Amino acid sequence: MEFDLVGEWKWTTYFGGSLGESIGDQGMAIMPGNGDGKEDVLIVGMSSSSDLPLEPGPNWHDITYKPGLQGYILRINGETIHRMVDLCKRTWNQFGLHASELVVTDPLNRIFVGGLSWDPTFVLQNADNLYSASGIYGVGDAVLMCFSDEQELRWSTYFGGQEGGNFGDDVRTLAMMGTDRLYAAGTTYSAYSPISFFPFTDPVVMMTGLITRSIHRPTHSQRLFVLMGCSRVSKPSRLPRHLAC
């Protein structure tokens, strides 16, 4: 829905399929545009439907519908003209991309999407070969994706570790600093160890005033807040999984 700044309603539109859609917790962003009132609106979320009105962008993904949840990107402009609905990934078994939770843009009109994936093939799917084989990574791991303003996938990566049960590592909010730094914050259930990897950079021991305390490492049953930052957000990379942006 669109309103002016005194609360006057302008227009309403909707889209969807037979089984329902949802929007991410922070799933809306405005492309900067040129100030003519026709800036594009981006919405990301999850779909259970097998009949969304897809208008896929470049073929970086598998547009074949499968059971379960699939991430979507919806783009319309300020005059409600439908531009694009695209699936973020294919679905693995009964699991889907619980991942299109949030979206941000920057002054260069790049689109950054984050969230959570249960699909071990996600990053292997046309993502600059960051991984050679799937293992514990990709199942219940946090996801970051970057698109150009023409819906070209620039890079994608995930990070996390081995979790117990149905817990996962996820990105719950994103923020840009200028045009060269992206910050992601979320939660993790993964322990830090060679077996249960999570990319912590904290020192083993840190000083707080005159008090020395150890950094707490989570176990599979504990959930901790996580903040990550990266630079060089404008170009692909073959760096390790947690540095791929």
Protein backbone atom coordinates (compact mmCIF):
# COMPACT_ATOMS: atom_id res chain seq x y z
CA MET A 1 0.00 0.00 0.00
CA GLU A 2 1.14 3.56 -0.63
CA PHE A 3 0.28 6.65 1.41
CA ASP A 4 1.43 10.22 1.24
CA LEU A 5 2.92 11.87 4.31
CA VAL A 6 -0.41 13.11 5.60
CA GLY A 7 -1.95 9.65 5.53
CA GLU A 8 -3.81 9.83 2.22
CA TRP A 9 -4.11 6.40 0.62
CA LYS A 10 -2.79 6.16 -2.96
CA TRP A 11 -2.94 2.55 -4.13
CA THR A 12 -2.95 -1.10 -3.08
CA THR A 13 -1.88 -4.21 -4.96
CA TYR A 14 -1.30 -7.86 -4.16
CA PHE A 15 0.22 -10.96 -5.70
CA GLY A 16 0.41 -14.62 -4.81
CA GLY A 17 -0.50 -18.17 -5.66
CA SER A 18 -2.68 -20.99 -4.44
CA LEU A 19 -0.90 -21.84 -1.18
CA GLY A 20 0.04 -18.49 0.26
CA GLU A 21 2.97 -16.12 0.55
CA SER A 22 4.69 -14.29 3.38
CA ILE A 23 6.92 -11.24 3.56
CA GLY A 24 10.21 -11.26 5.44
CA ASP A 25 10.56 -9.60 8.83
CA GLN A 26 12.44 -6.72 7.18
CA GLY A 27 11.44 -7.65 3.68
CA MET A 28 10.86 -4.28 2.01
CA ALA A 29 13.29 -1.72 0.61
CA ILE A 30 13.10 1.23 -1.77
CA MET A 31 15.50 1.55 -4.69
CA PRO A 32 16.94 5.09 -4.68
CA GLY A 33 15.67 6.01 -8.17
CA ASN A 34 16.03 9.55 -9.49
CA GLY A 35 13.52 11.32 -7.25
CA ASP A 36 10.66 11.38 -9.75
CA GLY A 37 8.31 9.41 -7.52
CA LYS A 38 8.75 6.23 -9.54
CA GLU A 39 11.34 4.57 -7.34
CA ASP A 40 11.13 0.78 -7.36
CA VAL A 41 9.81 -1.12 -4.35
CA LEU A 42 11.50 -4.42 -3.48
CA ILE A 43 9.80 -7.10 -1.38
CA VAL A 44 11.30 -10.44 -0.39
CA GLY A 45 9.72 -13.35 1.40
CA MET A 46 8.69 -16.98 1.14
CA SER A 47 6.18 -18.76 -1.07
CA SER A 48 4.50 -22.14 -0.75
CA SER A 49 2.65 -21.76 -4.03
CA SER A 50 3.36 -23.61 -7.25
CA ASP A 51 1.72 -21.01 -9.48
CA LEU A 52 3.26 -17.62 -8.76
CA PRO A 53 3.26 -15.26 -11.78
CA LEU A 54 6.97 -15.64 -12.39
CA GLU A 55 8.93 -13.35 -14.64
CA PRO A 56 12.40 -14.71 -13.99
CA GLY A 57 15.49 -12.64 -14.45
CA PRO A 58 18.78 -14.08 -15.71
CA ASN A 59 18.90 -17.85 -15.36
CA TRP A 60 20.98 -18.11 -12.21
CA HIS A 61 18.43 -20.28 -10.48
CA ASP A 62 16.18 -23.27 -11.03
CA ILE A 63 12.67 -21.97 -11.71
CA THR A 64 11.14 -25.46 -11.54
CA TYR A 65 8.57 -25.50 -8.77
CA LYS A 66 9.05 -28.08 -6.05
CA PRO A 67 7.18 -28.75 -2.82
CA GLY A 68 8.00 -26.65 0.20
CA LEU A 69 8.98 -23.04 0.72
CA GLN A 70 10.87 -21.02 -1.84
CA GLY A 71 12.29 -17.55 -1.53
CA TYR A 72 10.99 -14.86 -3.84
CA ILE A 73 11.91 -11.33 -4.89
CA LEU A 74 9.08 -9.03 -5.98
CA ARG A 75 9.84 -5.72 -7.68
CA ILE A 76 7.32 -3.06 -8.66
CA ASN A 77 7.65 0.63 -9.35
CA GLY A 78 5.84 3.56 -7.81
CA GLU A 79 3.03 3.31 -10.33
CA THR A 80 2.27 -0.32 -9.36
CA ILE A 81 3.63 -1.68 -12.65
CA HIS A 82 4.75 -5.23 -12.07
CA ARG A 83 8.39 -5.61 -12.98
CA MET A 84 9.66 -8.95 -11.71
CA VAL A 85 8.91 -11.90 -9.46
CA ASP A 86 11.80 -14.30 -9.14
CA LEU A 87 12.51 -17.40 -7.07
CA CYS A 88 15.61 -17.24 -4.91
CA LYS A 89 16.45 -20.93 -5.11
CA ARG A 90 15.25 -24.41 -5.74
CA THR A 91 13.93 -26.44 -2.84
CA TRP A 92 15.75 -29.41 -1.36
CA ASN A 93 13.48 -32.24 -0.19
CA GLN A 94 10.79 -30.78 2.05
CA PHE A 95 12.95 -27.86 3.13
CA GLY A 96 12.94 -24.43 1.60
CA LEU A 97 14.64 -21.10 1.73
CA HIS A 98 13.51 -19.57 5.00
CA ALA A 99 15.89 -16.98 3.75
CA SER A 100 14.32 -14.04 2.05
CA GLU A 101 13.86 -12.32 5.39
CA LEU A 102 15.33 -8.93 4.66
CA VAL A 103 16.51 -6.72 1.86
CA VAL A 104 18.53 -3.50 1.67
CA THR A 105 19.76 -1.37 -1.21
CA ASP A 106 22.59 1.12 -1.54
CA PRO A 107 23.17 4.29 -3.62
CA LEU A 108 24.53 2.10 -6.44
CA ASN A 109 21.18 0.27 -6.66
CA ARG A 110 22.65 -3.02 -5.54
CA ILE A 111 20.21 -5.36 -3.82
CA PHE A 112 21.33 -7.33 -0.76
CA VAL A 113 19.18 -10.20 0.52
CA GLY A 114 19.79 -12.22 3.67
CA GLY A 115 18.24 -14.93 5.78
CA LEU A 116 18.42 -18.68 6.31
CA SER A 117 18.62 -21.72 4.02
CA TRP A 118 18.08 -25.42 4.65
CA ASP A 119 19.37 -26.38 1.20
CA PRO A 120 22.92 -27.81 0.92
CA THR A 121 22.93 -27.13 -2.84
CA PHE A 122 22.18 -23.43 -2.50
CA VAL A 123 25.66 -21.93 -2.81
CA LEU A 124 26.73 -24.63 -5.27
CA GLN A 125 23.99 -23.37 -7.56
CA ASN A 126 25.89 -20.96 -9.82
CA ALA A 127 27.59 -19.08 -7.00
CA ASP A 128 31.19 -18.78 -8.17
CA ASN A 129 32.10 -22.30 -6.98
CA LEU A 130 32.69 -21.24 -3.40
CA TYR A 131 32.18 -24.87 -2.38
CA SER A 132 33.25 -28.09 -4.05
CA ALA A 133 30.97 -30.37 -2.05
CA SER A 134 28.08 -30.03 0.33
CA GLY A 135 28.40 -31.22 3.88
CA ILE A 136 27.22 -29.80 7.17
CA TYR A 137 27.34 -26.34 5.62
CA GLY A 138 24.28 -25.09 3.83
CA VAL A 139 21.79 -26.91 6.04
CA GLY A 140 20.47 -24.42 8.53
CA ASP A 141 23.05 -21.79 7.60
CA ALA A 142 22.85 -18.04 7.12
CA VAL A 143 22.65 -16.76 3.55
CA LEU A 144 23.74 -13.51 1.89
CA MET A 145 23.05 -12.63 -1.75
CA CYS A 146 23.88 -9.58 -3.86
CA PHE A 147 22.10 -8.58 -7.08
CA SER A 148 22.64 -5.76 -9.52
CA ASP A 149 19.73 -3.47 -10.32
CA GLU A 150 19.11 -5.66 -13.38
CA GLN A 151 18.56 -8.74 -11.18
CA GLU A 152 21.98 -10.19 -12.08
CA LEU A 153 23.33 -12.28 -9.21
CA ARG A 154 26.73 -10.84 -8.32
CA TRP A 155 27.60 -13.16 -5.47
CA SER A 156 26.08 -15.34 -2.81
CA THR A 157 27.47 -17.15 0.17
CA TYR A 158 26.42 -18.85 3.36
CA PHE A 159 28.11 -19.37 6.69
CA GLY A 160 27.42 -21.21 9.90
CA GLY A 161 28.17 -24.60 11.34
CA GLN A 162 26.71 -27.81 12.63
CA GLU A 163 23.55 -27.48 14.65
CA GLY A 164 21.35 -29.91 16.51
CA GLY A 165 17.69 -30.50 15.76
CA ASN A 166 15.87 -27.88 13.71
CA PHE A 167 18.02 -24.96 14.85
CA GLY A 168 20.01 -22.85 12.43
CA ASP A 169 22.23 -19.83 11.91
CA ASP A 170 20.39 -16.92 10.38
CA VAL A 171 20.71 -13.30 9.29
CA ARG A 172 17.98 -11.14 10.79
CA THR A 173 19.06 -7.64 9.81
CA LEU A 174 21.37 -5.93 7.31
CA ALA A 175 22.88 -2.45 7.14
CA MET A 176 25.14 -0.62 4.70
CA MET A 177 27.99 1.75 5.59
CA GLY A 178 28.50 3.89 2.52
CA THR A 179 28.92 1.80 -0.61
CA ASP A 180 31.69 -0.59 0.42
CA ARG A 181 30.69 -2.18 3.72
CA LEU A 182 27.84 -4.53 4.56
CA TYR A 183 26.93 -5.59 8.09
CA ALA A 184 24.82 -8.62 8.93
CA ALA A 185 23.45 -9.49 12.35
CA GLY A 186 21.53 -12.55 13.46
CA THR A 187 21.75 -15.60 15.65
CA THR A 188 23.73 -18.84 15.80
CA TYR A 189 23.42 -22.19 17.52
CA SER A 190 26.80 -23.40 16.23
CA ALA A 191 29.77 -24.11 18.42
CA TYR A 192 33.23 -22.85 17.47
CA SER A 193 35.48 -25.83 16.83
CA PRO A 194 37.21 -27.55 13.91
CA ILE A 195 34.21 -29.90 13.73
CA SER A 196 31.39 -27.42 14.31
CA PHE A 197 32.60 -24.41 12.39
CA PHE A 198 31.43 -20.86 12.82
CA PRO A 199 33.59 -17.89 11.72
CA PHE A 200 34.27 -16.12 15.00
CA THR A 201 37.06 -13.55 15.05
CA ASP A 202 36.84 -12.78 18.76
CA PRO A 203 40.03 -13.46 20.74
CA VAL A 204 39.95 -16.38 23.12
CA VAL A 205 40.33 -13.98 26.05
CA MET A 206 39.38 -10.32 26.05
CA MET A 207 39.90 -7.44 28.49
CA THR A 208 37.03 -5.37 29.87
CA GLY A 209 38.54 -2.72 32.11
CA LEU A 210 40.45 -4.62 34.79
CA ILE A 211 38.37 -7.75 34.34
CA THR A 212 39.52 -10.58 32.10
CA ARG A 213 36.81 -12.88 30.87
CA SER A 214 36.71 -15.72 28.38
CA ILE A 215 34.64 -15.47 25.23
CA HIS A 216 31.65 -17.77 25.56
CA ARG A 217 31.40 -20.38 22.84
CA PRO A 218 27.89 -21.60 22.08
CA THR A 219 26.88 -25.24 22.06
CA HIS A 220 24.22 -26.87 19.90
CA SER A 221 21.53 -26.03 22.45
CA GLN A 222 22.43 -22.37 22.95
CA ARG A 223 21.55 -19.37 20.85
CA LEU A 224 23.77 -16.29 20.67
CA PHE A 225 23.57 -12.95 18.89
CA VAL A 226 26.06 -12.57 16.03
CA LEU A 227 27.36 -9.46 14.22
CA MET A 228 29.46 -9.76 11.07
CA GLY A 229 30.98 -7.16 8.79
CA CYS A 230 32.60 -7.37 5.38
CA SER A 231 33.95 -5.06 2.70
CA ARG A 232 34.47 -5.35 -1.07
CA VAL A 233 30.73 -5.88 -1.51
CA SER A 234 30.84 -4.94 -5.20
CA LYS A 235 32.74 -7.85 -6.70
CA PRO A 236 32.66 -11.66 -6.58
CA SER A 237 35.28 -13.54 -4.66
CA ARG A 238 36.62 -17.01 -4.08
CA LEU A 239 37.49 -16.30 -0.47
CA PRO A 240 36.43 -18.69 2.32
CA ARG A 241 32.73 -18.99 3.04
CA HIS A 242 32.55 -16.33 5.74
CA LEU A 243 34.62 -13.82 3.78
CA ALA A 244 32.97 -14.25 0.41
CA CYS A 245 31.46 -10.78 0.37
